[in-house]
Each structure stands twice: as C-alpha cells, then as structure tokens.
C-alpha cells in the first residue's frame, strides 16, 4: 500500500481538497503504474498559530506562494 500524506497551512483562498486528492491519486497511479486500489492520500492542515517559517508564525497559505 502506498500512503501519500500532505500537511499544509490553511489556504486563504478556497480549494476543493476532495478534487485535488482524487486527481493526485489517479495521476500517481497512472505515472507509477500502481493500481489505484493500493494508493491512499491524506491531507491535513496545521492549525493557525502552529506553524512558523524563519521564526515567524504564518497563519494561512496563499495558493500561489510559499510563506
């Protein structure tokens, strides 16, 4: 079984996570030639105030940039 785990900040903009993880699952399955039934994808968010970059707490993530 392949498990892909993603952790990120909450996004400022709306993002359809369900669609993203389904597409990621299918693309990974196709590119790696692994049956989709063997791939699990999870997406978790860091709570606001629980992530710091370069010593600065970053509450949210822009879709087009890294903190």
Protein backbone atom coordinates (compact mmCIF):
# COMPACT_ATOMS: atom_id res chain seq x y z
CA UNK A 1 0.00 0.00 0.00
CA UNK A 2 1.24 3.48 -0.91
CA UNK A 3 0.33 6.28 1.51
CA UNK A 4 0.80 9.89 0.42
CA UNK A 5 0.46 12.29 3.36
CA UNK A 6 0.22 16.04 2.84
CA UNK A 7 0.29 18.62 5.63
CA UNK A 8 -0.22 22.28 4.84
CA UNK A 9 -1.35 25.56 6.24
CA UNK A 10 -4.96 26.52 5.71
CA UNK A 11 -5.38 28.34 2.41
CA UNK A 12 -6.59 31.93 2.17
CA UNK A 13 -8.50 31.01 -0.99
CA UNK A 14 -11.00 28.17 -1.30
CA UNK A 15 -9.54 24.90 -2.58
CA UNK A 16 -11.53 21.76 -3.41
CA UNK A 17 -9.33 19.34 -1.47
CA UNK A 18 -11.52 16.37 -2.41
CA UNK A 19 -10.89 17.05 -6.10
CA UNK A 20 -7.17 17.59 -5.54
CA UNK A 21 -6.60 14.32 -3.69
CA UNK A 22 -8.67 12.34 -6.20
CA UNK A 23 -6.65 13.79 -9.09
CA UNK A 24 -3.39 13.21 -7.24
CA UNK A 25 -4.37 9.59 -6.58
CA UNK A 26 -5.23 8.94 -10.23
CA UNK A 27 -2.12 10.69 -11.57
CA UNK A 28 0.20 8.88 -9.17
CA UNK A 29 -1.44 5.56 -10.04
CA UNK A 30 -1.01 6.21 -13.75
CA UNK A 31 2.56 7.53 -13.61
CA UNK A 32 3.82 4.83 -11.25
CA UNK A 33 1.78 2.01 -12.85
CA UNK A 34 0.28 1.06 -9.49
CA UNK A 35 -3.33 0.02 -9.15
CA UNK A 36 -5.45 2.82 -7.68
CA UNK A 37 -6.77 0.46 -5.01
CA UNK A 38 -3.27 0.41 -3.44
CA UNK A 39 -2.96 4.20 -3.08
CA UNK A 40 -4.12 6.21 -0.09
CA UNK A 41 -3.87 10.01 0.12
CA UNK A 42 -4.44 12.11 3.22
CA UNK A 43 -4.44 15.90 3.60
CA UNK A 44 -4.18 17.56 7.00
CA UNK A 45 -3.95 21.20 7.94
CA UNK A 46 -1.76 22.86 10.53
CA UNK A 47 -3.89 24.87 12.92
CA UNK A 48 -3.43 28.65 12.79
CA UNK A 49 -0.51 29.59 15.02
CA UNK A 50 1.03 26.09 14.84
CA UNK A 51 3.49 26.77 12.00
CA UNK A 52 6.49 29.10 11.85
CA UNK A 53 8.75 29.85 8.87
CA UNK A 54 12.06 31.60 9.59
CA UNK A 55 10.89 32.35 13.13
CA UNK A 56 7.62 33.99 12.04
CA UNK A 57 4.21 32.40 12.63
CA UNK A 58 2.28 32.08 9.38
CA UNK A 59 -1.49 31.66 9.86
CA UNK A 60 -2.56 30.95 6.25
CA UNK A 61 -1.10 29.91 2.90
CA UNK A 62 -1.66 31.66 -0.43
CA UNK A 63 -2.40 29.24 -3.26
CA UNK A 64 0.36 30.81 -5.38
CA UNK A 65 3.21 31.12 -2.88
CA UNK A 66 5.14 29.63 -0.01
CA UNK A 67 5.19 31.54 3.30
